Amino acid sequence: MGAVSYLDRYSLLRSRDSEFARDRLFAAYGADRFETHDCEFGIQANLARLSSIGLAFCAYDGAASLSFPRSQILRQFFSIQGAAGFRTNGHSRPIGAWSPMICGDARLDLDFAPGYRQLVLRMDAAALERLAKSLVGDDSSTKLHFVDGKADPAMMAHVRQDVFRFAEELERFGQDYAPIAIAELERALMVRILLAHPHSFTDRLHRAPPGANRSVVDLVESYVAAHWDEPLDLEKIAEIANVSVRTIFREFSNAGRGSPGQFARRIRLDRAAELLRRPDDQTSVLAVAFKCGFQNLGRFAAEYRRVIGELPSETLKNARRRQ
C-alpha cells in the first residue's frame, strides 16, 4: 500500500485478498459488484460514520471496478492521486479534484486505475433535504433534486478543503472528538454542499430572506443559552421561532449580533470560565474545552483569553489556589 492515507483510526479493510475485500465492501458500503483487473491487488478502506454523513478513504494498488445499486445515499468523490471514473444515468465522467453530486436514484459504476486514492463524502439524502428546507423555510412536499450542472468552483474549493480538514481532525482526535464540535462541523459542511451545487432550492437560497420580528434574536439567544452543551441545531431553532434559518442569520446581522454560532461560542466560553473557576479533582483545561465544544486547544485558549481576559490555565490555577 502507498504512503498516502486518511482516517486510519477508522480502519475498515486492508487486504490483498480480493474475495475478502468483496465481502467487506458489500457488507459495509452496500456495494453489489466488485472486480479486480490486475494480478497484483491491494485495497485499503477506512470509514468514519457520523450522524448524517460518512467520510471514507479508499486506496487501490491494482485496477478494480465497484458498483452500487440505487439507494438514499448522496456521494461526492475527491481524488487524491491517480485516475478513476464513474458511470450513472447513462453518463460517464472522470473523477477530478471533485466529482459532481452523485444521487442514489440510479445505479453507480466506478472504475479505479492502479495507485488511485480518494476521499468520499457520503450523505443521507433525507437529512440533506431537511436542512435545505429549513434554510429556506419550506414545509411543502418539494423534494431536493440536484441539477446536473456545474458546481460553483470557488465554493467547491472550500468544500474540498473542509473535507480534507475534517478527515485530518477525525484522524487526530478519533473518539475523543467533542460531540458538539463534530455535529456543528458536519452541519457546516452540509450547508456548503447545498450552496455549492445547483438544486431545486438554489434560487430560494439566494433570495433575500423575509423579514421577522426582532424578538426572534432574543428567542434564539435564550434557546442557545439554555442548550449551550448541545450541538447548535438551527433547524430546530428555526422551527421554534417559526422562521427560516436564513431569516435568523439576517436578523442577527441586522441587529449587530454576529451569528447564532458566534453567540453560542461566547456562551460556551462563559460556561468554560464557570467550570474552571469551580474545579474538582478531575477538572482540566482540556476536559473543559471538549465539554464546551472546542476541539482545538490552542484556538480555545486564544478565544478564552480574548473574551475572559486571561488564559484558561490561569483561571484554573487561581481557582485551585483559593480552594
Protein backbone atom coordinates (compact mmCIF):
# COMPACT_ATOMS: atom_id res chain seq x y z
CA MET A 1 0.00 0.00 0.00
CA GLY A 2 1.11 3.58 -0.67
CA ALA A 3 2.01 6.11 1.99
CA VAL A 4 -0.99 8.41 1.38
CA SER A 5 -3.70 7.62 3.92
CA TYR A 6 -6.51 9.27 5.88
CA LEU A 7 -8.84 8.15 8.68
CA ASP A 8 -6.61 5.29 9.86
CA ARG A 9 -8.40 5.37 13.24
CA TYR A 10 -11.49 4.19 11.37
CA SER A 11 -9.98 1.21 9.58
CA LEU A 12 -12.49 -0.95 7.74
CA LEU A 13 -10.39 -3.04 5.38
CA ARG A 14 -6.75 -3.57 4.45
CA SER A 15 -6.14 -6.66 2.38
CA ARG A 16 -4.66 -8.24 -0.73
CA ASP A 17 -7.38 -10.89 -0.76
CA SER A 18 -9.97 -9.84 -3.36
CA GLU A 19 -12.63 -12.25 -2.08
CA PHE A 20 -12.33 -10.91 1.45
CA ALA A 21 -12.39 -7.35 0.09
CA ARG A 22 -15.57 -8.08 -1.87
CA ASP A 23 -17.36 -9.39 1.23
CA ARG A 24 -16.38 -6.35 3.31
CA LEU A 25 -17.29 -3.82 0.62
CA PHE A 26 -20.68 -5.46 0.13
CA ALA A 27 -21.42 -5.52 3.88
CA ALA A 28 -20.05 -2.11 4.90
CA TYR A 29 -20.64 0.06 1.82
CA GLY A 30 -23.66 -1.62 0.24
CA ALA A 31 -21.81 -2.42 -3.00
CA ASP A 32 -23.18 -5.25 -5.17
CA ARG A 33 -20.29 -5.72 -7.62
CA PHE A 34 -16.51 -5.80 -7.14
CA GLU A 35 -13.95 -6.93 -9.69
CA THR A 36 -10.16 -6.77 -9.82
CA HIS A 37 -8.24 -6.45 -13.09
CA ASP A 38 -4.60 -6.98 -12.05
CA CYS A 39 -2.69 -9.94 -10.67
CA GLU A 40 -1.22 -7.63 -8.03
CA PHE A 41 -4.10 -6.36 -5.92
CA GLY A 42 -4.35 -4.40 -2.69
CA ILE A 43 -7.02 -2.29 -1.07
CA GLN A 44 -7.29 -0.07 1.97
CA ALA A 45 -10.64 1.34 3.10
CA ASN A 46 -11.38 3.50 6.15
CA LEU A 47 -14.85 4.75 7.08
CA ALA A 48 -15.93 7.26 9.74
CA ARG A 49 -19.71 7.06 10.27
CA LEU A 50 -21.10 10.27 11.72
CA SER A 51 -24.71 11.39 12.17
CA SER A 52 -25.90 12.40 8.71
CA ILE A 53 -22.70 11.85 6.76
CA GLY A 54 -19.95 9.31 6.38
CA LEU A 55 -16.39 10.10 5.35
CA ALA A 56 -14.35 7.36 3.69
CA PHE A 57 -10.78 6.95 2.45
CA CYS A 58 -10.10 4.36 -0.25
CA ALA A 59 -6.81 3.27 -1.83
CA TYR A 60 -6.35 0.75 -4.68
CA ASP A 61 -2.97 -0.78 -5.52
CA GLY A 62 -4.43 -2.63 -8.50
CA ALA A 63 -7.09 -1.77 -11.05
CA ALA A 64 -10.60 -2.51 -9.81
CA SER A 65 -14.28 -1.87 -10.50
CA LEU A 66 -17.07 -1.32 -7.99
CA SER A 67 -20.85 -0.87 -8.35
CA PHE A 68 -23.68 0.28 -6.12
CA PRO A 69 -27.44 -0.23 -6.52
CA ARG A 70 -29.98 2.57 -6.07
CA SER A 71 -30.04 3.97 -2.53
CA GLN A 72 -30.83 7.01 -0.39
CA ILE A 73 -27.14 7.94 -0.26
CA LEU A 74 -25.67 11.00 -1.97
CA ARG A 75 -21.98 10.69 -2.84
CA GLN A 76 -19.20 13.07 -3.79
CA PHE A 77 -15.70 11.88 -4.63
CA PHE A 78 -12.48 13.82 -4.03
CA SER A 79 -9.46 12.45 -5.87
CA ILE A 80 -6.09 12.49 -4.10
CA GLN A 81 -3.92 10.75 -6.68
CA GLY A 82 -4.30 8.51 -9.71
CA ALA A 83 -7.14 8.12 -12.21
CA ALA A 84 -10.74 6.94 -11.82
CA GLY A 85 -14.13 7.41 -13.45
CA PHE A 86 -17.81 6.80 -12.77
CA ARG A 87 -20.96 5.99 -14.74
CA THR A 88 -24.55 6.72 -13.74
CA ASN A 89 -27.75 7.55 -15.61
CA GLY A 90 -26.04 6.66 -18.88
CA HIS A 91 -23.25 9.22 -18.45
CA SER A 92 -19.53 8.54 -17.86
CA ARG A 93 -17.07 11.03 -16.36
CA PRO A 94 -13.61 11.06 -14.83
CA ILE A 95 -13.25 11.88 -11.14
CA GLY A 96 -11.19 15.03 -10.76
CA ALA A 97 -10.45 17.19 -7.73
CA TRP A 98 -14.16 16.67 -7.02
CA SER A 99 -16.96 14.84 -8.75
CA PRO A 100 -20.46 16.17 -9.36
CA MET A 101 -23.01 15.36 -6.66
CA ILE A 102 -23.99 11.75 -7.39
CA CYS A 103 -27.52 10.90 -6.32
CA GLY A 104 -28.60 7.40 -5.40
CA ASP A 105 -31.57 7.31 -7.77
CA ALA A 106 -29.66 5.28 -10.36
CA ARG A 107 -27.03 2.57 -10.41
CA LEU A 108 -23.45 3.76 -9.91
CA ASP A 109 -20.41 2.10 -11.51
CA LEU A 110 -16.83 3.05 -10.59
CA ASP A 111 -13.52 2.17 -12.24
CA PHE A 112 -10.19 2.71 -10.47
CA ALA A 113 -6.71 2.65 -12.00
CA PRO A 114 -3.77 1.19 -10.03
CA GLY A 115 -2.49 3.57 -7.36
CA TYR A 116 -5.73 5.53 -7.05
CA ARG A 117 -6.51 7.30 -3.74
CA GLN A 118 -9.65 9.26 -2.78
CA LEU A 119 -11.86 10.62 -0.04
CA VAL A 120 -15.59 10.01 -0.37
CA LEU A 121 -18.31 12.06 1.27
CA ARG A 122 -21.49 10.02 1.80
CA MET A 123 -24.61 11.93 2.85
CA ASP A 124 -28.08 10.85 3.89
CA ALA A 125 -30.43 12.29 1.24
CA ALA A 126 -33.32 12.81 3.67
CA ALA A 127 -31.14 14.70 6.16
CA LEU A 128 -29.77 16.99 3.46
CA GLU A 129 -33.30 17.66 2.20
CA ARG A 130 -34.47 18.58 5.72
CA LEU A 131 -31.56 21.00 6.04
CA ALA A 132 -32.30 22.60 2.65
CA LYS A 133 -35.95 23.10 3.62
CA SER A 134 -35.04 24.60 6.98
CA LEU A 135 -32.71 27.08 5.29
CA VAL A 136 -35.48 28.44 3.08
CA GLY A 137 -38.44 27.86 5.43
CA ASP A 138 -40.14 25.28 3.19
CA ASP A 139 -42.72 22.90 4.65
CA SER A 140 -44.07 21.63 1.32
CA SER A 141 -43.63 18.21 -0.28
CA THR A 142 -40.96 19.55 -2.68
CA LYS A 143 -38.05 17.13 -2.99
CA LEU A 144 -34.38 18.04 -3.01
CA HIS A 145 -33.19 17.33 -6.52
CA PHE A 146 -29.67 18.16 -7.69
CA VAL A 147 -29.43 19.60 -11.18
CA ASP A 148 -26.80 18.09 -13.45
CA GLY A 149 -24.99 21.38 -13.71
CA LYS A 150 -21.55 22.69 -12.88
CA ALA A 151 -20.88 23.31 -9.20
CA ASP A 152 -19.56 26.69 -8.09
CA PRO A 153 -15.76 26.18 -8.38
CA ALA A 154 -14.86 28.71 -5.69
CA MET A 155 -17.30 27.17 -3.23
CA MET A 156 -16.21 23.64 -4.14
CA ALA A 157 -12.59 24.56 -3.46
CA HIS A 158 -13.72 25.40 0.09
CA VAL A 159 -15.75 22.18 0.30
CA ARG A 160 -12.72 20.11 -0.71
CA GLN A 161 -10.58 21.92 1.84
CA ASP A 162 -13.23 21.32 4.54
CA VAL A 163 -13.48 17.61 3.68
CA PHE A 164 -9.72 17.07 3.96
CA ARG A 165 -9.51 19.13 7.16
CA PHE A 166 -12.40 17.13 8.63
CA ALA A 167 -10.60 13.87 7.78
CA GLU A 168 -7.39 15.14 9.40
CA GLU A 169 -9.18 16.21 12.59
CA LEU A 170 -11.08 12.91 12.84
CA GLU A 171 -7.76 11.10 12.48
CA ARG A 172 -6.16 13.29 15.14
CA PHE A 173 -8.90 13.10 17.78
CA GLY A 174 -10.87 9.93 16.94
CA GLN A 175 -13.48 9.04 19.54
CA ASP A 176 -12.27 11.93 21.73
CA TYR A 177 -13.71 14.45 19.28
CA ALA A 178 -16.12 16.72 21.15
CA PRO A 179 -19.70 15.74 20.11
CA ILE A 180 -20.76 19.40 19.92
CA ALA A 181 -17.86 20.27 17.62
CA ILE A 182 -18.30 17.30 15.32
CA ALA A 183 -22.07 17.88 14.94
CA GLU A 184 -21.55 21.53 14.04
CA LEU A 185 -18.72 20.78 11.59
CA GLU A 186 -20.94 18.18 9.96
CA ARG A 187 -23.79 20.69 9.62
CA ALA A 188 -21.50 23.41 8.25
CA LEU A 189 -20.16 21.03 5.60
CA MET A 190 -23.69 20.10 4.52
CA VAL A 191 -24.61 23.79 4.18
CA ARG A 192 -21.55 24.38 1.98
CA ILE A 193 -22.61 21.44 -0.20
CA LEU A 194 -26.06 22.98 -0.66
CA LEU A 195 -24.56 26.34 -1.57
CA ALA A 196 -22.04 24.86 -4.00
CA HIS A 197 -24.31 22.67 -6.13
CA PRO A 198 -27.36 23.71 -8.20
CA HIS A 199 -30.55 22.02 -6.97
CA SER A 200 -34.29 22.50 -6.59
CA PHE A 201 -33.90 25.02 -3.73
CA THR A 202 -30.95 27.01 -5.13
CA ASP A 203 -32.96 30.02 -6.35
CA ARG A 204 -34.65 30.41 -2.99
CA LEU A 205 -31.37 30.06 -1.12
CA HIS A 206 -30.03 33.10 -2.96
CA ARG A 207 -33.12 35.26 -2.50
CA ALA A 208 -33.26 37.81 0.31
CA PRO A 209 -34.99 36.12 3.27
CA PRO A 210 -38.29 37.53 4.54
CA GLY A 211 -38.22 39.89 7.48
CA ALA A 212 -39.07 38.91 11.02
CA ASN A 213 -39.75 40.49 14.37
CA ARG A 214 -36.51 41.42 16.14
CA SER A 215 -37.73 39.40 19.14
CA VAL A 216 -36.58 36.39 17.09
CA VAL A 217 -32.99 37.25 18.05
CA ASP A 218 -33.87 37.27 21.76
CA LEU A 219 -35.76 33.98 21.42
CA VAL A 220 -32.83 32.31 19.64
CA GLU A 221 -30.30 33.59 22.15
CA SER A 222 -32.44 32.34 25.05
CA TYR A 223 -32.68 28.90 23.48
CA VAL A 224 -28.94 28.71 22.75
CA ALA A 225 -28.08 29.81 26.29
CA ALA A 226 -30.35 27.12 27.74
CA HIS A 227 -28.87 24.41 25.47
CA TRP A 228 -25.24 25.53 25.39
CA ASP A 229 -23.93 21.96 25.90
CA GLU A 230 -25.75 20.61 22.84
CA PRO A 231 -24.88 20.97 19.14
CA LEU A 232 -26.35 24.12 17.60
CA ASP A 233 -29.48 22.74 15.88
CA LEU A 234 -30.57 25.59 13.64
CA GLU A 235 -33.35 23.54 12.08
CA LYS A 236 -34.99 23.04 15.47
CA ILE A 237 -34.41 26.66 16.46
CA ALA A 238 -35.96 27.90 13.20
CA GLU A 239 -39.00 25.71 13.84
CA ILE A 240 -39.40 27.09 17.35
CA ALA A 241 -39.01 30.67 16.11
CA ASN A 242 -41.35 29.97 13.16
CA VAL A 243 -38.94 31.46 10.62
CA SER A 244 -36.36 30.12 8.17
CA VAL A 245 -32.72 29.59 9.11
CA ARG A 246 -31.72 32.32 6.63
CA THR A 247 -34.07 34.76 8.39
CA ILE A 248 -32.39 34.01 11.72
CA PHE A 249 -28.98 34.83 10.24
CA ARG A 250 -30.34 38.01 8.63
CA GLU A 251 -31.92 39.22 11.88
CA PHE A 252 -28.72 38.56 13.84
CA SER A 253 -26.73 40.50 11.25
CA ASN A 254 -29.19 43.41 11.19
CA ALA A 255 -29.15 43.57 14.97
CA GLY A 256 -25.35 43.71 15.00
CA ARG A 257 -25.19 40.44 16.96
CA GLY A 258 -22.96 38.48 14.58
CA SER A 259 -24.43 35.00 14.06
CA PRO A 260 -26.04 32.28 16.20
CA GLY A 261 -22.77 30.36 16.04
CA GLN A 262 -20.77 33.31 17.36
CA PHE A 263 -23.29 33.80 20.17
CA ALA A 264 -23.05 30.09 21.03
CA ARG A 265 -19.26 30.31 21.25
CA ARG A 266 -19.48 33.30 23.59
CA ILE A 267 -21.91 31.42 25.84
CA ARG A 268 -19.68 28.34 25.85
CA LEU A 269 -16.64 30.43 26.76
CA ASP A 270 -18.60 31.87 29.71
CA ARG A 271 -19.58 28.33 30.79
CA ALA A 272 -15.97 27.21 30.43
CA ALA A 273 -14.89 30.03 32.74
CA GLU A 274 -17.50 28.97 35.30
CA LEU A 275 -16.26 25.36 35.21
CA LEU A 276 -12.62 26.44 35.59
CA ARG A 277 -13.46 28.77 38.49
CA ARG A 278 -15.16 25.92 40.39
CA PRO A 279 -12.86 22.95 39.71
CA ASP A 280 -12.91 19.50 41.25
CA ASP A 281 -10.07 16.96 41.32
CA GLN A 282 -10.81 15.88 37.74
CA THR A 283 -11.02 19.34 36.16
CA SER A 284 -8.50 20.11 33.42
CA VAL A 285 -8.34 22.73 30.69
CA LEU A 286 -8.54 20.03 28.01
CA ALA A 287 -11.61 18.37 29.54
CA VAL A 288 -13.40 21.70 29.91
CA ALA A 289 -12.57 22.70 26.34
CA PHE A 290 -14.02 19.44 24.99
CA LYS A 291 -17.12 19.67 27.20
CA CYS A 292 -17.79 23.16 25.87
CA GLY A 293 -17.41 22.13 22.24
CA PHE A 294 -13.87 23.35 21.50
CA GLN A 295 -11.70 20.77 19.73
CA ASN A 296 -8.55 22.79 19.10
CA LEU A 297 -6.92 23.59 22.46
CA GLY A 298 -4.79 26.42 21.08
CA ARG A 299 -7.79 28.10 19.47
CA PHE A 300 -9.78 27.64 22.67
CA ALA A 301 -7.04 29.29 24.75
CA ALA A 302 -6.77 32.24 22.34
CA GLU A 303 -10.54 32.85 22.24
CA TYR A 304 -10.83 32.37 26.00
CA ARG A 305 -8.12 34.96 26.65
CA ARG A 306 -9.72 37.44 24.23
CA VAL A 307 -13.16 37.13 25.89
CA ILE A 308 -12.33 36.33 29.53
CA GLY A 309 -9.09 38.32 29.80
CA GLU A 310 -6.71 35.56 30.87
CA LEU A 311 -5.62 32.11 29.74
CA PRO A 312 -7.81 29.19 30.87
CA SER A 313 -4.81 27.66 32.65
CA GLU A 314 -4.51 30.87 34.71
CA THR A 315 -8.21 30.73 35.67
CA LEU A 316 -7.82 27.12 36.81
CA LYS A 317 -4.58 27.79 38.69
CA ASN A 318 -6.07 30.79 40.53
CA ALA A 319 -9.18 28.77 41.41
CA ARG A 320 -7.10 25.94 42.89
CA ARG A 321 -5.12 28.42 44.99
CA ARG A 322 -8.35 29.65 46.57
CA GLN A 323 -9.53 26.15 47.47
